[in-house]
Amino acid sequence: MPGLDGIEATAQLTRSGCRARILMLTTFNLDEYVYRAMKAGASGFLLKDASRDQLTAAARTVAAGQALLAPAITQRLIEDFCRGPVPGAAGDSAAGHLSERELDVVRAVAQGLSNAEIAANLYLSEATVKSHVARVLAKLDLRDRVQIAVFAYENGIVRPGHMGRPLRHCLARLIAHLP
């Protein structure tokens, strides 16, 4: 597409209030491209090597209001998802050694909240929050808040996009709170 790529065109249509369902058809079989297309408002994503029947079925699926991903992409997403920890389950991991309140603090740290913000959200004093953070660091043998956030994501305590804030926002706030 001269002057505009499919993702930007999709984003512009979505921002303008267009109610058309958009099916991306591309040669780019990259996770980043799929993510950006869906984030821009695409309802489906199909690779150009799809057969005529697959393309027809995909168009009908998207037109009916459902979402669709190319089978190869769906398989990759399922494999990635299954390699990770069970969402929300601390299980036998090191997180199992944390109290429920410490897990609350870990979730808040992963959001990039300061001690003052955590205290306000959890109805605690800042001193109590500092104590919880110190205990989490000690129990998990971590160095700083960034490691707490990484631990939270790697162990399924939090998942990107499931806290109302994009991951990049959370990381930017965490970095701002580093000594």
C-alpha atoms as a PDB file:
ATOM      1  CA  MET A   1       0.000   0.000   0.000  1.00  0.00           C
ATOM      2  CA  PRO A   2       1.683   3.207  -1.094  1.00  0.00           C
ATOM      3  CA  GLY A   3       2.041   5.833   1.642  1.00  0.00           C
ATOM      4  CA  LEU A   4       0.235   3.851   4.329  1.00  0.00           C
ATOM      5  CA  ASP A   5       0.625   0.329   5.698  1.00  0.00           C
ATOM      6  CA  GLY A   6      -2.252  -1.970   6.617  1.00  0.00           C
ATOM      7  CA  ILE A   7      -1.818  -1.520  10.349  1.00  0.00           C
ATOM      8  CA  GLU A   8      -1.939   2.278  10.166  1.00  0.00           C
ATOM      9  CA  ALA A   9      -4.911   2.115   7.761  1.00  0.00           C
ATOM     10  CA  THR A  10      -6.687  -0.169  10.234  1.00  0.00           C
ATOM     11  CA  ALA A  11      -5.896   2.172  13.128  1.00  0.00           C
ATOM     12  CA  GLN A  12      -7.203   5.180  11.188  1.00  0.00           C
ATOM     13  CA  LEU A  13     -10.425   3.382  10.276  1.00  0.00           C
ATOM     14  CA  THR A  14     -10.919   2.299  13.882  1.00  0.00           C
ATOM     15  CA  ARG A  15     -10.234   5.800  15.262  1.00  0.00           C
ATOM     16  CA  SER A  16     -12.657   7.332  12.774  1.00  0.00           C
ATOM     17  CA  GLY A  17     -15.475   5.211  14.163  1.00  0.00           C
ATOM     18  CA  CYS A  18     -15.765   3.011  11.095  1.00  0.00           C
ATOM     19  CA  ARG A  19     -17.759  -0.097  12.023  1.00  0.00           C
ATOM     20  CA  ALA A  20     -16.297  -2.256   9.242  1.00  0.00           C
ATOM     21  CA  ARG A  21     -14.734  -5.519  10.360  1.00  0.00           C
ATOM     22  CA  ILE A  22     -11.143  -5.680   9.135  1.00  0.00           C
ATOM     23  CA  LEU A  23      -9.415  -8.867   8.015  1.00  0.00           C
ATOM     24  CA  MET A  24      -5.666  -8.422   7.578  1.00  0.00           C
ATOM     25  CA  LEU A  25      -4.182 -10.425   4.723  1.00  0.00           C
ATOM     26  CA  THR A  26      -0.395 -10.358   4.778  1.00  0.00           C
ATOM     27  CA  THR A  27       2.851 -12.186   4.180  1.00  0.00           C
ATOM     28  CA  PHE A  28       4.190 -11.091   7.598  1.00  0.00           C
ATOM     29  CA  ASN A  29       3.999 -14.075   9.943  1.00  0.00           C
ATOM     30  CA  LEU A  30       5.556 -12.220  12.871  1.00  0.00           C
ATOM     31  CA  ASP A  31       4.082 -12.086  16.378  1.00  0.00           C
ATOM     32  CA  GLU A  32       4.784  -8.347  16.610  1.00  0.00           C
ATOM     33  CA  TYR A  33       2.882  -7.659  13.391  1.00  0.00           C
ATOM     34  CA  VAL A  34      -0.082  -9.778  14.506  1.00  0.00           C
ATOM     35  CA  TYR A  35      -0.172  -7.993  17.865  1.00  0.00           C
ATOM     36  CA  ARG A  36       0.034  -4.534  16.280  1.00  0.00           C
ATOM     37  CA  ALA A  37      -2.708  -5.392  13.774  1.00  0.00           C
ATOM     38  CA  MET A  38      -5.085  -6.673  16.452  1.00  0.00           C
ATOM     39  CA  LYS A  39      -4.269  -3.705  18.713  1.00  0.00           C
ATOM     40  CA  ALA A  40      -5.063  -1.379  15.793  1.00  0.00           C
ATOM     41  CA  GLY A  41      -8.533  -2.918  15.515  1.00  0.00           C
ATOM     42  CA  ALA A  42      -8.272  -5.784  13.054  1.00  0.00           C
ATOM     43  CA  SER A  43     -10.799  -8.552  13.609  1.00  0.00           C
ATOM     44  CA  GLY A  44      -8.790 -11.185  11.820  1.00  0.00           C
ATOM     45  CA  PHE A  45      -5.347 -11.980  10.571  1.00  0.00           C
ATOM     46  CA  LEU A  46      -4.689 -14.359   7.706  1.00  0.00           C
ATOM     47  CA  LEU A  47      -1.527 -15.135   5.779  1.00  0.00           C
ATOM     48  CA  LYS A  48      -1.398 -14.711   2.002  1.00  0.00           C
ATOM     49  CA  ASP A  49      -0.680 -18.412   1.511  1.00  0.00           C
ATOM     50  CA  ALA A  50      -4.248 -19.188   2.644  1.00  0.00           C
ATOM     51  CA  SER A  51      -6.387 -21.083   0.189  1.00  0.00           C
ATOM     52  CA  ARG A  52      -9.411 -19.525  -1.506  1.00  0.00           C
ATOM     53  CA  ASP A  53     -11.689 -21.557   0.780  1.00  0.00           C
ATOM     54  CA  GLN A  54      -9.818 -20.392   3.889  1.00  0.00           C
ATOM     55  CA  LEU A  55     -10.023 -16.773   2.749  1.00  0.00           C
ATOM     56  CA  THR A  56     -13.754 -17.075   2.066  1.00  0.00           C
ATOM     57  CA  ALA A  57     -14.388 -18.723   5.440  1.00  0.00           C
ATOM     58  CA  ALA A  58     -12.256 -16.083   7.188  1.00  0.00           C
ATOM     59  CA  ALA A  59     -14.184 -13.237   5.558  1.00  0.00           C
ATOM     60  CA  ARG A  60     -17.482 -14.830   6.650  1.00  0.00           C
ATOM     61  CA  THR A  61     -16.188 -15.390  10.198  1.00  0.00           C
ATOM     62  CA  VAL A  62     -15.027 -11.790  10.581  1.00  0.00           C
ATOM     63  CA  ALA A  63     -18.203 -10.407   8.957  1.00  0.00           C
ATOM     64  CA  ALA A  64     -20.240 -12.408  11.488  1.00  0.00           C
ATOM     65  CA  GLY A  65     -18.511 -10.512  14.298  1.00  0.00           C
ATOM     66  CA  GLN A  66     -16.045 -13.171  15.373  1.00  0.00           C
ATOM     67  CA  ALA A  67     -12.262 -12.960  15.566  1.00  0.00           C
ATOM     68  CA  LEU A  68      -9.910 -15.109  13.538  1.00  0.00           C
ATOM     69  CA  LEU A  69      -6.198 -15.852  13.367  1.00  0.00           C
ATOM     70  CA  ALA A  70      -4.342 -17.899  10.774  1.00  0.00           C
ATOM     71  CA  PRO A  71      -3.964 -21.505  11.959  1.00  0.00           C
ATOM     72  CA  ALA A  72      -0.150 -21.241  12.137  1.00  0.00           C
ATOM     73  CA  ILE A  73      -0.425 -18.149  14.342  1.00  0.00           C
ATOM     74  CA  THR A  74      -3.057 -19.754  16.556  1.00  0.00           C
ATOM     75  CA  GLN A  75      -0.839 -22.810  17.008  1.00  0.00           C
ATOM     76  CA  ARG A  76       2.136 -20.616  17.958  1.00  0.00           C
ATOM     77  CA  LEU A  77       0.052 -18.647  20.468  1.00  0.00           C
ATOM     78  CA  ILE A  78      -1.249 -21.831  22.076  1.00  0.00           C
ATOM     79  CA  GLU A  79       2.266 -23.275  22.331  1.00  0.00           C
ATOM     80  CA  ASP A  80       3.589 -20.041  23.874  1.00  0.00           C
ATOM     81  CA  PHE A  81       0.682 -19.890  26.295  1.00  0.00           C
ATOM     82  CA  CYS A  82       1.137 -23.513  27.382  1.00  0.00           C
ATOM     83  CA  ARG A  83       4.875 -23.009  27.969  1.00  0.00           C
ATOM     84  CA  GLY A  84       4.125 -20.298  30.527  1.00  0.00           C
ATOM     85  CA  PRO A  85       2.895 -20.672  34.078  1.00  0.00           C
ATOM     86  CA  VAL A  86      -0.754 -21.317  34.831  1.00  0.00           C
ATOM     87  CA  PRO A  87      -2.306 -17.823  34.903  1.00  0.00           C
ATOM     88  CA  GLY A  88      -2.939 -16.583  38.429  1.00  0.00           C
ATOM     89  CA  ALA A  89      -1.621 -19.722  40.088  1.00  0.00           C
ATOM     90  CA  ALA A  90       1.481 -19.351  42.200  1.00  0.00           C
ATOM     91  CA  GLY A  91       1.525 -23.105  42.784  1.00  0.00           C
ATOM     92  CA  ASP A  92       4.849 -24.595  43.855  1.00  0.00           C
ATOM     93  CA  SER A  93       6.863 -21.636  42.616  1.00  0.00           C
ATOM     94  CA  ALA A  94       8.658 -19.281  44.942  1.00  0.00           C
ATOM     95  CA  ALA A  95       5.487 -17.157  44.943  1.00  0.00           C
ATOM     96  CA  GLY A  96       3.871 -19.885  47.029  1.00  0.00           C
ATOM     97  CA  HIS A  97       6.002 -18.644  49.928  1.00  0.00           C
ATOM     98  CA  LEU A  98       4.405 -15.196  49.819  1.00  0.00           C
ATOM     99  CA  SER A  99       1.405 -14.162  51.881  1.00  0.00           C
ATOM    100  CA  GLU A 100      -1.712 -12.904  50.103  1.00  0.00           C
ATOM    101  CA  ARG A 101      -0.852  -9.329  51.126  1.00  0.00           C
ATOM    102  CA  GLU A 102       2.682  -9.725  49.796  1.00  0.00           C
ATOM    103  CA  LEU A 103       1.204 -10.953  46.502  1.00  0.00           C
ATOM    104  CA  ASP A 104      -0.995  -7.827  46.447  1.00  0.00           C
ATOM    105  CA  VAL A 105       2.142  -5.719  46.848  1.00  0.00           C
ATOM    106  CA  VAL A 106       3.937  -7.717  44.117  1.00  0.00           C
ATOM    107  CA  ARG A 107       1.013  -7.058  41.735  1.00  0.00           C
ATOM    108  CA  ALA A 108       1.103  -3.354  42.560  1.00  0.00           C
ATOM    109  CA  VAL A 109       4.884  -3.160  42.091  1.00  0.00           C
ATOM    110  CA  ALA A 110       4.451  -4.884  38.719  1.00  0.00           C
ATOM    111  CA  GLN A 111       2.032  -2.085  37.792  1.00  0.00           C
ATOM    112  CA  GLY A 112       4.799   0.393  38.476  1.00  0.00           C
ATOM    113  CA  LEU A 113       3.128   1.954  41.513  1.00  0.00           C
ATOM    114  CA  SER A 114       5.163   3.837  44.097  1.00  0.00           C
ATOM    115  CA  ASN A 115       5.050   2.905  47.786  1.00  0.00           C
ATOM    116  CA  ALA A 116       2.711   5.859  48.412  1.00  0.00           C
ATOM    117  CA  GLU A 117       0.347   4.710  45.650  1.00  0.00           C
ATOM    118  CA  ILE A 118       0.425   1.109  46.888  1.00  0.00           C
ATOM    119  CA  ALA A 119      -0.287   2.314  50.423  1.00  0.00           C
ATOM    120  CA  ALA A 120      -3.286   4.331  49.227  1.00  0.00           C
ATOM    121  CA  ASN A 121      -4.657   1.492  47.073  1.00  0.00           C
ATOM    122  CA  LEU A 122      -4.261  -1.193  49.749  1.00  0.00           C
ATOM    123  CA  TYR A 123      -5.169   1.046  52.715  1.00  0.00           C
ATOM    124  CA  LEU A 124      -1.776   0.579  54.347  1.00  0.00           C
ATOM    125  CA  SER A 125       0.864   2.942  55.647  1.00  0.00           C
ATOM    126  CA  GLU A 126       3.922   3.571  53.484  1.00  0.00           C
ATOM    127  CA  ALA A 127       6.061   1.997  56.215  1.00  0.00           C
ATOM    128  CA  THR A 128       3.994  -1.200  55.996  1.00  0.00           C
ATOM    129  CA  VAL A 129       4.364  -1.243  52.219  1.00  0.00           C
ATOM    130  CA  LYS A 130       8.138  -0.798  52.567  1.00  0.00           C
ATOM    131  CA  SER A 131       8.168  -3.740  54.987  1.00  0.00           C
ATOM    132  CA  HIS A 132       6.201  -5.917  52.572  1.00  0.00           C
ATOM    133  CA  VAL A 133       8.536  -4.990  49.697  1.00  0.00           C
ATOM    134  CA  ALA A 134      11.583  -5.780  51.853  1.00  0.00           C
ATOM    135  CA  ARG A 135      10.117  -9.175  52.849  1.00  0.00           C
ATOM    136  CA  VAL A 136       9.308 -10.012  49.213  1.00  0.00           C
ATOM    137  CA  LEU A 137      12.859  -9.105  48.178  1.00  0.00           C
ATOM    138  CA  ALA A 138      14.291 -11.262  50.967  1.00  0.00           C
ATOM    139  CA  LYS A 139      11.973 -14.245  50.447  1.00  0.00           C
ATOM    140  CA  LEU A 140      12.571 -14.318  46.711  1.00  0.00           C
ATOM    141  CA  ASP A 141      16.247 -13.335  46.876  1.00  0.00           C
ATOM    142  CA  LEU A 142      15.709 -10.381  44.536  1.00  0.00           C
ATOM    143  CA  ARG A 143      17.645  -7.094  44.322  1.00  0.00           C
ATOM    144  CA  ASP A 144      15.062  -4.459  43.445  1.00  0.00           C
ATOM    145  CA  ARG A 145      11.526  -3.571  42.358  1.00  0.00           C
ATOM    146  CA  VAL A 146      12.272  -4.283  38.707  1.00  0.00           C
ATOM    147  CA  GLN A 147      13.182  -7.854  39.607  1.00  0.00           C
ATOM    148  CA  ILE A 148       9.912  -8.108  41.553  1.00  0.00           C
ATOM    149  CA  ALA A 149       8.011  -7.015  38.442  1.00  0.00           C
ATOM    150  CA  VAL A 150       9.875  -9.459  36.203  1.00  0.00           C
ATOM    151  CA  PHE A 151       9.233 -12.227  38.736  1.00  0.00           C
ATOM    152  CA  ALA A 152       5.515 -11.363  38.751  1.00  0.00           C
ATOM    153  CA  TYR A 153       5.250 -11.647  34.970  1.00  0.00           C
ATOM    154  CA  GLU A 154       7.413 -14.751  34.655  1.00  0.00           C
ATOM    155  CA  ASN A 155       5.412 -16.585  37.324  1.00  0.00           C
ATOM    156  CA  GLY A 156       1.958 -15.696  36.029  1.00  0.00           C
ATOM    157  CA  ILE A 157       1.082 -13.509  39.022  1.00  0.00           C
ATOM    158  CA  VAL A 158       0.294 -10.768  36.518  1.00  0.00           C
ATOM    159  CA  ARG A 159      -0.030 -10.851  32.761  1.00  0.00           C
ATOM    160  CA  PRO A 160       0.636  -8.050  30.272  1.00  0.00           C
ATOM    161  CA  GLY A 161      -2.510  -6.120  29.462  1.00  0.00           C
ATOM    162  CA  HIS A 162      -4.561  -7.581  32.317  1.00  0.00           C
ATOM    163  CA  MET A 163      -4.139  -4.758  34.803  1.00  0.00           C
ATOM    164  CA  GLY A 164      -5.663  -1.910  32.859  1.00  0.00           C
ATOM    165  CA  ARG A 165      -2.256  -0.493  31.919  1.00  0.00           C
ATOM    166  CA  PRO A 166       0.004  -1.392  29.016  1.00  0.00           C
ATOM    167  CA  LEU A 167       3.233  -3.153  29.951  1.00  0.00           C
ATOM    168  CA  ARG A 168       5.362  -0.291  28.603  1.00  0.00           C
ATOM    169  CA  HIS A 169       3.598   2.115  30.998  1.00  0.00           C
ATOM    170  CA  CYS A 170       4.282  -0.185  33.954  1.00  0.00           C
ATOM    171  CA  LEU A 171       7.959  -0.537  33.019  1.00  0.00           C
ATOM    172  CA  ALA A 172       8.359   3.217  32.602  1.00  0.00           C
ATOM    173  CA  ARG A 173       6.919   3.787  36.083  1.00  0.00           C
ATOM    174  CA  LEU A 174       9.149   1.091  37.585  1.00  0.00           C
ATOM    175  CA  ILE A 175      12.244   2.674  36.076  1.00  0.00           C
ATOM    176  CA  ALA A 176      11.197   6.078  37.430  1.00  0.00           C
ATOM    177  CA  HIS A 177      11.175   4.627  40.971  1.00  0.00           C
ATOM    178  CA  LEU A 178      14.681   3.159  40.793  1.00  0.00           C
ATOM    179  CA  PRO A 179      17.214   4.695  43.183  1.00  0.00           C
END
